[in-house]
Amino acid sequence: MKGARLKKIEKYIDDDLFLMTYGDCLGNIDIPSLIKFHRSHGKITTITGINPISRYGEIKYEGNKVIRFSEKPRDAKSLVNGGFMVFNKGVFDYLTDKDDCDLEYGPFEKMASDGQLMIYKHEGFWACMDTIRDMEYLNQLWDSNKAGWLFN
């Protein structure tokens, strides 16, 4: 689990502030701005909130009549963890090195209830790479010079 793996590297972290990513997504996150935001609030953890594109078309309807159709909409009402995070060493107080220590279930929930979890809202490019379909999509963007995760 991610929490246990993070706890096991505690002895290698020299600075109070450090970054982590899950490594299964691409985004054009402005890292200096993310760090500046993290330093501005003084809390232990900042996660990057993204608004993912749905994999499905959304249908709004009345009775049996479609009144609006939107292909792969962004759900403007919610954000999800985009996998780019900034921590202070205080995060280690929320973790154990036991193999069942997850990061999201438990530690993030506890940090949120303690007021120690902040969100940096990213509105730029972000895409996951969890499936072959995701990989093919990202390779297509790369091959067509539309790699949105690169800064131009």
N, C-alpha and C. Protein backbone atom coordinates (compact mmCIF):
# COMPACT_ATOMS: atom_id res chain seq x y z
N MET A 1 0.83 -1.18 0.00
CA MET A 1 0.00 0.00 0.00
C MET A 1 0.88 1.25 0.00
N LYS A 2 0.34 2.30 -0.60
CA LYS A 2 1.13 3.52 -0.78
C LYS A 2 1.57 4.17 0.53
N GLY A 3 0.75 4.14 1.55
CA GLY A 3 1.13 4.75 2.83
C GLY A 3 2.34 4.06 3.44
N ALA A 4 2.35 2.74 3.42
CA ALA A 4 3.47 1.98 3.97
C ALA A 4 4.74 2.24 3.17
N ARG A 5 4.62 2.27 1.85
CA ARG A 5 5.81 2.53 1.02
C ARG A 5 6.37 3.92 1.29
N LEU A 6 5.48 4.90 1.45
CA LEU A 6 5.92 6.27 1.75
C LEU A 6 6.61 6.31 3.12
N LYS A 7 6.04 5.66 4.10
CA LYS A 7 6.63 5.63 5.45
C LYS A 7 8.03 5.03 5.42
N LYS A 8 8.23 4.02 4.59
CA LYS A 8 9.52 3.33 4.54
C LYS A 8 10.64 4.19 3.96
N ILE A 9 10.31 5.29 3.28
CA ILE A 9 11.36 6.17 2.76
C ILE A 9 11.62 7.37 3.67
N GLU A 10 10.93 7.43 4.79
CA GLU A 10 11.06 8.58 5.70
C GLU A 10 12.51 8.91 6.01
N LYS A 11 13.33 7.91 6.25
CA LYS A 11 14.73 8.14 6.63
C LYS A 11 15.56 8.77 5.51
N TYR A 12 15.05 8.74 4.29
CA TYR A 12 15.78 9.32 3.15
C TYR A 12 15.36 10.75 2.85
N ILE A 13 14.33 11.24 3.50
CA ILE A 13 13.83 12.60 3.24
C ILE A 13 14.56 13.57 4.16
N ASP A 14 15.38 14.44 3.56
CA ASP A 14 16.18 15.40 4.33
C ASP A 14 15.45 16.72 4.57
N ASP A 15 14.73 17.19 3.56
CA ASP A 15 14.05 18.48 3.67
C ASP A 15 12.66 18.28 4.27
N ASP A 16 12.11 19.34 4.84
CA ASP A 16 10.76 19.26 5.38
C ASP A 16 9.73 19.12 4.26
N LEU A 17 9.97 19.74 3.12
CA LEU A 17 9.03 19.70 2.00
C LEU A 17 9.53 18.71 0.94
N PHE A 18 8.63 17.86 0.46
CA PHE A 18 8.98 16.94 -0.62
C PHE A 18 7.75 16.65 -1.47
N LEU A 19 7.98 16.19 -2.68
CA LEU A 19 6.91 15.93 -3.64
C LEU A 19 6.79 14.44 -3.90
N MET A 20 5.59 14.04 -4.31
CA MET A 20 5.33 12.66 -4.67
C MET A 20 4.29 12.63 -5.78
N THR A 21 4.43 11.65 -6.67
CA THR A 21 3.41 11.40 -7.67
C THR A 21 3.20 9.90 -7.77
N TYR A 22 2.00 9.51 -8.16
CA TYR A 22 1.72 8.09 -8.34
C TYR A 22 2.43 7.53 -9.56
N GLY A 23 2.69 8.36 -10.55
CA GLY A 23 3.42 7.92 -11.73
C GLY A 23 2.56 7.25 -12.78
N ASP A 24 1.24 7.29 -12.65
CA ASP A 24 0.37 6.65 -13.65
C ASP A 24 -0.50 7.67 -14.38
N CYS A 25 -0.02 8.92 -14.41
CA CYS A 25 -0.77 9.96 -15.10
C CYS A 25 0.21 11.00 -15.66
N LEU A 26 -0.30 11.78 -16.58
CA LEU A 26 0.47 12.86 -17.18
C LEU A 26 -0.32 14.15 -17.04
N GLY A 27 0.37 15.23 -16.75
CA GLY A 27 -0.31 16.51 -16.64
C GLY A 27 0.69 17.64 -16.80
N ASN A 28 0.18 18.80 -17.17
CA ASN A 28 1.05 19.96 -17.28
C ASN A 28 0.93 20.80 -16.00
N ILE A 29 1.08 20.14 -14.88
CA ILE A 29 1.00 20.77 -13.58
C ILE A 29 2.13 21.79 -13.46
N ASP A 30 1.81 22.98 -13.04
CA ASP A 30 2.83 24.02 -12.80
C ASP A 30 3.44 23.74 -11.42
N ILE A 31 4.51 22.98 -11.41
CA ILE A 31 5.11 22.53 -10.15
C ILE A 31 5.55 23.70 -9.27
N PRO A 32 6.22 24.74 -9.82
CA PRO A 32 6.57 25.87 -8.94
C PRO A 32 5.34 26.52 -8.30
N SER A 33 4.24 26.64 -9.04
CA SER A 33 3.01 27.21 -8.46
C SER A 33 2.40 26.28 -7.42
N LEU A 34 2.47 24.98 -7.66
CA LEU A 34 1.98 24.00 -6.70
C LEU A 34 2.76 24.12 -5.38
N ILE A 35 4.08 24.22 -5.48
CA ILE A 35 4.92 24.36 -4.28
C ILE A 35 4.64 25.69 -3.58
N LYS A 36 4.50 26.75 -4.36
CA LYS A 36 4.20 28.07 -3.77
C LYS A 36 2.87 28.02 -3.01
N PHE A 37 1.86 27.40 -3.61
CA PHE A 37 0.57 27.25 -2.94
C PHE A 37 0.73 26.47 -1.64
N HIS A 38 1.47 25.37 -1.70
CA HIS A 38 1.67 24.55 -0.50
C HIS A 38 2.33 25.36 0.61
N ARG A 39 3.34 26.09 0.27
CA ARG A 39 4.04 26.89 1.29
C ARG A 39 3.15 27.99 1.85
N SER A 40 2.19 28.46 1.06
CA SER A 40 1.35 29.59 1.49
C SER A 40 0.37 29.23 2.60
N HIS A 41 -0.03 27.97 2.71
CA HIS A 41 -1.07 27.63 3.69
C HIS A 41 -0.55 26.96 4.96
N GLY A 42 0.66 26.46 4.96
CA GLY A 42 1.24 25.92 6.18
C GLY A 42 0.68 24.59 6.66
N LYS A 43 -0.02 23.88 5.82
CA LYS A 43 -0.59 22.58 6.21
C LYS A 43 0.37 21.46 5.80
N ILE A 44 0.09 20.24 6.20
CA ILE A 44 0.99 19.12 5.96
C ILE A 44 0.96 18.63 4.52
N THR A 45 -0.22 18.60 3.91
CA THR A 45 -0.36 17.96 2.59
C THR A 45 -1.17 18.81 1.63
N THR A 46 -0.68 18.86 0.39
CA THR A 46 -1.44 19.44 -0.72
C THR A 46 -1.58 18.37 -1.79
N ILE A 47 -2.81 18.12 -2.21
CA ILE A 47 -3.05 17.24 -3.35
C ILE A 47 -3.52 18.09 -4.52
N THR A 48 -3.23 17.64 -5.72
CA THR A 48 -3.67 18.36 -6.91
C THR A 48 -5.04 17.83 -7.31
N GLY A 49 -6.01 18.72 -7.33
CA GLY A 49 -7.37 18.35 -7.72
C GLY A 49 -7.58 18.60 -9.20
N ILE A 50 -8.05 17.59 -9.87
CA ILE A 50 -8.33 17.72 -11.31
C ILE A 50 -9.79 17.39 -11.56
N ASN A 51 -10.27 17.88 -12.67
CA ASN A 51 -11.65 17.64 -13.09
C ASN A 51 -11.59 16.74 -14.31
N PRO A 52 -11.68 15.42 -14.11
CA PRO A 52 -11.47 14.50 -15.24
C PRO A 52 -12.61 14.51 -16.23
N ILE A 53 -12.26 14.21 -17.45
CA ILE A 53 -13.26 14.03 -18.49
C ILE A 53 -13.89 12.65 -18.29
N SER A 54 -15.21 12.60 -18.33
CA SER A 54 -15.90 11.33 -18.20
C SER A 54 -15.57 10.43 -19.39
N ARG A 55 -15.57 9.14 -19.18
CA ARG A 55 -15.35 8.19 -20.27
C ARG A 55 -16.61 7.96 -21.09
N TYR A 56 -17.73 8.50 -20.61
CA TYR A 56 -19.01 8.21 -21.25
C TYR A 56 -19.75 9.49 -21.59
N GLY A 57 -20.67 9.38 -22.53
CA GLY A 57 -21.55 10.49 -22.85
C GLY A 57 -22.60 10.65 -21.77
N GLU A 58 -22.98 11.89 -21.50
CA GLU A 58 -23.99 12.17 -20.48
C GLU A 58 -25.31 12.54 -21.16
N ILE A 59 -26.39 11.95 -20.69
CA ILE A 59 -27.71 12.20 -21.25
C ILE A 59 -28.58 12.85 -20.19
N LYS A 60 -29.12 14.02 -20.50
CA LYS A 60 -30.13 14.66 -19.66
C LYS A 60 -31.46 14.41 -20.37
N TYR A 61 -32.45 13.98 -19.63
CA TYR A 61 -33.70 13.61 -20.28
C TYR A 61 -34.89 13.96 -19.41
N GLU A 62 -36.03 14.06 -20.06
CA GLU A 62 -37.34 14.21 -19.41
C GLU A 62 -38.23 13.16 -20.03
N GLY A 63 -38.73 12.26 -19.20
CA GLY A 63 -39.50 11.13 -19.74
C GLY A 63 -38.58 10.29 -20.61
N ASN A 64 -38.97 10.12 -21.87
CA ASN A 64 -38.14 9.39 -22.83
C ASN A 64 -37.47 10.31 -23.83
N LYS A 65 -37.58 11.61 -23.64
CA LYS A 65 -37.02 12.58 -24.57
C LYS A 65 -35.68 13.09 -24.07
N VAL A 66 -34.66 12.97 -24.91
CA VAL A 66 -33.34 13.51 -24.58
C VAL A 66 -33.40 15.01 -24.78
N ILE A 67 -33.07 15.76 -23.72
CA ILE A 67 -33.09 17.22 -23.85
C ILE A 67 -31.67 17.79 -23.99
N ARG A 68 -30.69 17.00 -23.64
CA ARG A 68 -29.31 17.43 -23.84
C ARG A 68 -28.41 16.21 -23.84
N PHE A 69 -27.46 16.20 -24.77
CA PHE A 69 -26.46 15.14 -24.82
C PHE A 69 -25.09 15.79 -24.82
N SER A 70 -24.20 15.30 -23.98
CA SER A 70 -22.84 15.84 -23.92
C SER A 70 -21.87 14.68 -23.92
N GLU A 71 -21.04 14.58 -24.95
CA GLU A 71 -20.07 13.49 -25.05
C GLU A 71 -18.86 13.79 -24.16
N LYS A 72 -18.55 12.86 -23.29
CA LYS A 72 -17.40 12.93 -22.38
C LYS A 72 -17.30 14.27 -21.66
N PRO A 73 -18.31 14.62 -20.90
CA PRO A 73 -18.28 15.92 -20.20
C PRO A 73 -17.33 15.92 -19.02
N ARG A 74 -16.96 17.11 -18.61
CA ARG A 74 -16.24 17.28 -17.35
C ARG A 74 -17.30 17.54 -16.29
N ASP A 75 -17.20 16.86 -15.18
CA ASP A 75 -18.13 17.06 -14.08
C ASP A 75 -17.64 18.24 -13.25
N ALA A 76 -18.20 19.40 -13.51
CA ALA A 76 -17.74 20.62 -12.86
C ALA A 76 -18.03 20.64 -11.37
N LYS A 77 -18.80 19.69 -10.87
CA LYS A 77 -19.19 19.69 -9.46
C LYS A 77 -18.18 19.00 -8.55
N SER A 78 -17.22 18.28 -9.11
CA SER A 78 -16.31 17.56 -8.25
C SER A 78 -14.91 17.51 -8.82
N LEU A 79 -13.95 17.36 -7.93
CA LEU A 79 -12.56 17.19 -8.30
C LEU A 79 -12.10 15.84 -7.75
N VAL A 80 -11.08 15.29 -8.38
CA VAL A 80 -10.48 14.06 -7.89
C VAL A 80 -8.99 14.29 -7.71
N ASN A 81 -8.36 13.42 -6.93
CA ASN A 81 -6.93 13.51 -6.69
C ASN A 81 -6.20 13.20 -7.99
N GLY A 82 -5.48 14.19 -8.50
CA GLY A 82 -4.74 14.04 -9.75
C GLY A 82 -3.39 13.37 -9.59
N GLY A 83 -3.00 13.01 -8.37
CA GLY A 83 -1.79 12.21 -8.18
C GLY A 83 -0.49 12.99 -8.07
N PHE A 84 -0.54 14.31 -8.02
CA PHE A 84 0.65 15.12 -7.80
C PHE A 84 0.50 15.76 -6.43
N MET A 85 1.42 15.47 -5.51
CA MET A 85 1.25 15.89 -4.12
C MET A 85 2.51 16.54 -3.57
N VAL A 86 2.28 17.44 -2.60
CA VAL A 86 3.38 18.05 -1.85
C VAL A 86 3.13 17.75 -0.38
N PHE A 87 4.18 17.32 0.30
CA PHE A 87 4.07 16.97 1.72
C PHE A 87 5.10 17.73 2.55
N ASN A 88 4.78 17.91 3.81
CA ASN A 88 5.77 18.24 4.82
C ASN A 88 6.00 16.95 5.60
N LYS A 89 7.12 16.87 6.30
CA LYS A 89 7.47 15.63 7.00
C LYS A 89 6.42 15.21 8.03
N GLY A 90 5.55 16.12 8.44
CA GLY A 90 4.48 15.76 9.37
C GLY A 90 3.56 14.67 8.83
N VAL A 91 3.59 14.43 7.52
CA VAL A 91 2.77 13.37 6.94
C VAL A 91 3.13 12.02 7.53
N PHE A 92 4.40 11.86 7.92
CA PHE A 92 4.84 10.56 8.45
C PHE A 92 4.16 10.21 9.77
N ASP A 93 3.66 11.23 10.48
CA ASP A 93 2.93 10.97 11.72
C ASP A 93 1.59 10.29 11.47
N TYR A 94 1.10 10.34 10.24
CA TYR A 94 -0.17 9.73 9.87
C TYR A 94 0.00 8.34 9.26
N LEU A 95 1.24 7.90 9.10
CA LEU A 95 1.52 6.65 8.39
C LEU A 95 2.18 5.62 9.30
N THR A 96 2.06 4.35 8.91
CA THR A 96 2.82 3.28 9.55
C THR A 96 3.53 2.51 8.44
N ASP A 97 4.50 1.71 8.83
CA ASP A 97 5.20 0.91 7.82
C ASP A 97 4.56 -0.47 7.66
N LYS A 98 3.39 -0.66 8.27
CA LYS A 98 2.66 -1.93 8.11
C LYS A 98 2.12 -2.02 6.68
N ASP A 99 2.20 -3.19 6.10
CA ASP A 99 1.84 -3.37 4.69
C ASP A 99 0.41 -2.97 4.37
N ASP A 100 -0.48 -2.90 5.36
CA ASP A 100 -1.87 -2.53 5.09
C ASP A 100 -2.13 -1.03 5.21
N CYS A 101 -1.08 -0.22 5.38
CA CYS A 101 -1.25 1.23 5.50
C CYS A 101 -1.41 1.86 4.12
N ASP A 102 -2.62 2.22 3.80
CA ASP A 102 -2.90 2.91 2.54
C ASP A 102 -2.67 4.40 2.76
N LEU A 103 -2.65 5.16 1.72
CA LEU A 103 -2.47 6.60 1.84
C LEU A 103 -3.81 7.31 1.84
N GLU A 104 -4.69 6.90 0.95
CA GLU A 104 -5.97 7.59 0.79
C GLU A 104 -6.98 7.18 1.87
N TYR A 105 -7.12 5.88 2.11
CA TYR A 105 -8.05 5.40 3.13
C TYR A 105 -7.35 5.45 4.47
N GLY A 106 -7.77 6.33 5.31
CA GLY A 106 -7.14 6.48 6.61
C GLY A 106 -6.34 7.77 6.69
N PRO A 107 -5.07 7.78 6.23
CA PRO A 107 -4.25 8.98 6.39
C PRO A 107 -4.84 10.25 5.75
N PHE A 108 -5.23 10.20 4.48
CA PHE A 108 -5.81 11.40 3.86
C PHE A 108 -7.12 11.79 4.55
N GLU A 109 -7.91 10.80 4.90
CA GLU A 109 -9.18 11.08 5.59
C GLU A 109 -8.91 11.74 6.94
N LYS A 110 -7.93 11.26 7.67
CA LYS A 110 -7.59 11.82 8.98
C LYS A 110 -7.00 13.22 8.82
N MET A 111 -6.11 13.41 7.82
CA MET A 111 -5.56 14.74 7.59
C MET A 111 -6.66 15.73 7.26
N ALA A 112 -7.64 15.30 6.46
CA ALA A 112 -8.76 16.18 6.11
C ALA A 112 -9.54 16.56 7.37
N SER A 113 -9.82 15.58 8.23
CA SER A 113 -10.58 15.90 9.44
C SER A 113 -9.77 16.75 10.41
N ASP A 114 -8.44 16.68 10.33
CA ASP A 114 -7.57 17.50 11.18
C ASP A 114 -7.28 18.87 10.55
N GLY A 115 -7.82 19.13 9.36
CA GLY A 115 -7.57 20.40 8.69
C GLY A 115 -6.17 20.52 8.11
N GLN A 116 -5.53 19.38 7.79
CA GLN A 116 -4.16 19.37 7.30
C GLN A 116 -4.04 18.96 5.83
N LEU A 117 -5.15 18.91 5.11
CA LEU A 117 -5.15 18.49 3.71
C LEU A 117 -5.74 19.60 2.87
N MET A 118 -4.95 20.09 1.91
CA MET A 118 -5.37 21.19 1.04
C MET A 118 -5.38 20.71 -0.41
N ILE A 119 -6.11 21.46 -1.25
CA ILE A 119 -6.20 21.09 -2.66
C ILE A 119 -5.73 22.23 -3.55
N TYR A 120 -4.86 21.89 -4.47
CA TYR A 120 -4.40 22.80 -5.51
C TYR A 120 -5.19 22.46 -6.76
N LYS A 121 -5.99 23.39 -7.22
CA LYS A 121 -6.89 23.12 -8.36
C LYS A 121 -6.15 23.31 -9.67
N HIS A 122 -6.07 22.23 -10.44
CA HIS A 122 -5.40 22.24 -11.75
C HIS A 122 -6.45 22.15 -12.84
N GLU A 123 -6.45 23.14 -13.73
CA GLU A 123 -7.44 23.16 -14.80
C GLU A 123 -6.82 22.87 -16.16
N GLY A 124 -5.53 22.58 -16.20
CA GLY A 124 -4.86 22.28 -17.46
C GLY A 124 -5.01 20.83 -17.86
N PHE A 125 -4.09 20.38 -18.68
CA PHE A 125 -4.12 19.02 -19.19
C PHE A 125 -3.82 18.02 -18.08
N TRP A 126 -4.57 16.93 -18.08
CA TRP A 126 -4.32 15.80 -17.19
C TRP A 126 -4.94 14.57 -17.83
N ALA A 127 -4.23 13.46 -17.79
CA ALA A 127 -4.78 12.19 -18.28
C ALA A 127 -4.14 11.04 -17.52
N CYS A 128 -4.94 10.03 -17.24
CA CYS A 128 -4.41 8.85 -16.58
C CYS A 128 -3.87 7.88 -17.62
N MET A 129 -3.07 6.95 -17.16
CA MET A 129 -2.59 5.88 -18.03
C MET A 129 -2.73 4.57 -17.28
N ASP A 130 -4.00 4.17 -17.12
CA ASP A 130 -4.32 2.96 -16.37
C ASP A 130 -4.58 1.76 -17.26
N THR A 131 -4.90 2.00 -18.51
CA THR A 131 -5.31 0.90 -19.40
C THR A 131 -4.59 1.01 -20.74
N ILE A 132 -4.69 -0.04 -21.52
CA ILE A 132 -4.15 -0.03 -22.89
C ILE A 132 -4.81 1.10 -23.68
N ARG A 133 -6.10 1.28 -23.48
CA ARG A 133 -6.83 2.36 -24.17
C ARG A 133 -6.22 3.72 -23.83
N ASP A 134 -5.92 3.95 -22.55
CA ASP A 134 -5.28 5.20 -22.14
C ASP A 134 -3.93 5.37 -22.83
N MET A 135 -3.14 4.31 -22.85
CA MET A 135 -1.83 4.36 -23.48
C MET A 135 -1.95 4.68 -24.96
N GLU A 136 -2.89 4.05 -25.65
CA GLU A 136 -3.08 4.32 -27.08
C GLU A 136 -3.48 5.77 -27.32
N TYR A 137 -4.35 6.31 -26.46
CA TYR A 137 -4.78 7.70 -26.57
C TYR A 137 -3.59 8.64 -26.37
N LEU A 138 -2.79 8.40 -25.34
CA LEU A 138 -1.64 9.26 -25.08
C LEU A 138 -0.59 9.14 -26.17
N ASN A 139 -0.38 7.94 -26.68
CA ASN A 139 0.55 7.77 -27.81
C ASN A 139 0.05 8.51 -29.05
N GLN A 140 -1.26 8.50 -29.26
CA GLN A 140 -1.84 9.22 -30.40
C GLN A 140 -1.60 10.72 -30.24
N LEU A 141 -1.79 11.24 -29.04
CA LEU A 141 -1.51 12.66 -28.80
C LEU A 141 -0.04 12.97 -29.07
N TRP A 142 0.85 12.11 -28.60
CA TRP A 142 2.28 12.31 -28.81
C TRP A 142 2.61 12.29 -30.30
N ASP A 143 2.11 11.29 -31.00
CA ASP A 143 2.40 11.14 -32.43
C ASP A 143 1.87 12.29 -33.27
N SER A 144 0.80 12.93 -32.82
CA SER A 144 0.21 14.04 -33.56
C SER A 144 0.66 15.41 -33.02
N ASN A 145 1.74 15.41 -32.23
CA ASN A 145 2.28 16.64 -31.64
C ASN A 145 1.25 17.41 -30.82
N LYS A 146 0.38 16.70 -30.13
CA LYS A 146 -0.63 17.31 -29.28
C LYS A 146 -0.49 16.84 -27.83
N ALA A 147 0.76 16.62 -27.44
CA ALA A 147 1.03 16.13 -26.08
C ALA A 147 0.80 17.26 -25.09
N GLY A 148 -0.40 17.32 -24.55
CA GLY A 148 -0.82 18.41 -23.67
C GLY A 148 -0.07 18.45 -22.35
N TRP A 149 0.69 17.44 -22.03
CA TRP A 149 1.44 17.44 -20.79
C TRP A 149 2.77 18.17 -20.91
N LEU A 150 3.13 18.57 -22.13
CA LEU A 150 4.36 19.31 -22.34
C LEU A 150 4.11 20.79 -22.29
N PHE A 151 5.01 21.52 -21.70
CA PHE A 151 4.93 22.99 -21.73
C PHE A 151 5.59 23.45 -23.02
N ASN A 152 4.93 24.35 -23.71
CA ASN A 152 5.51 24.87 -24.96
C ASN A 152 6.21 26.19 -24.73
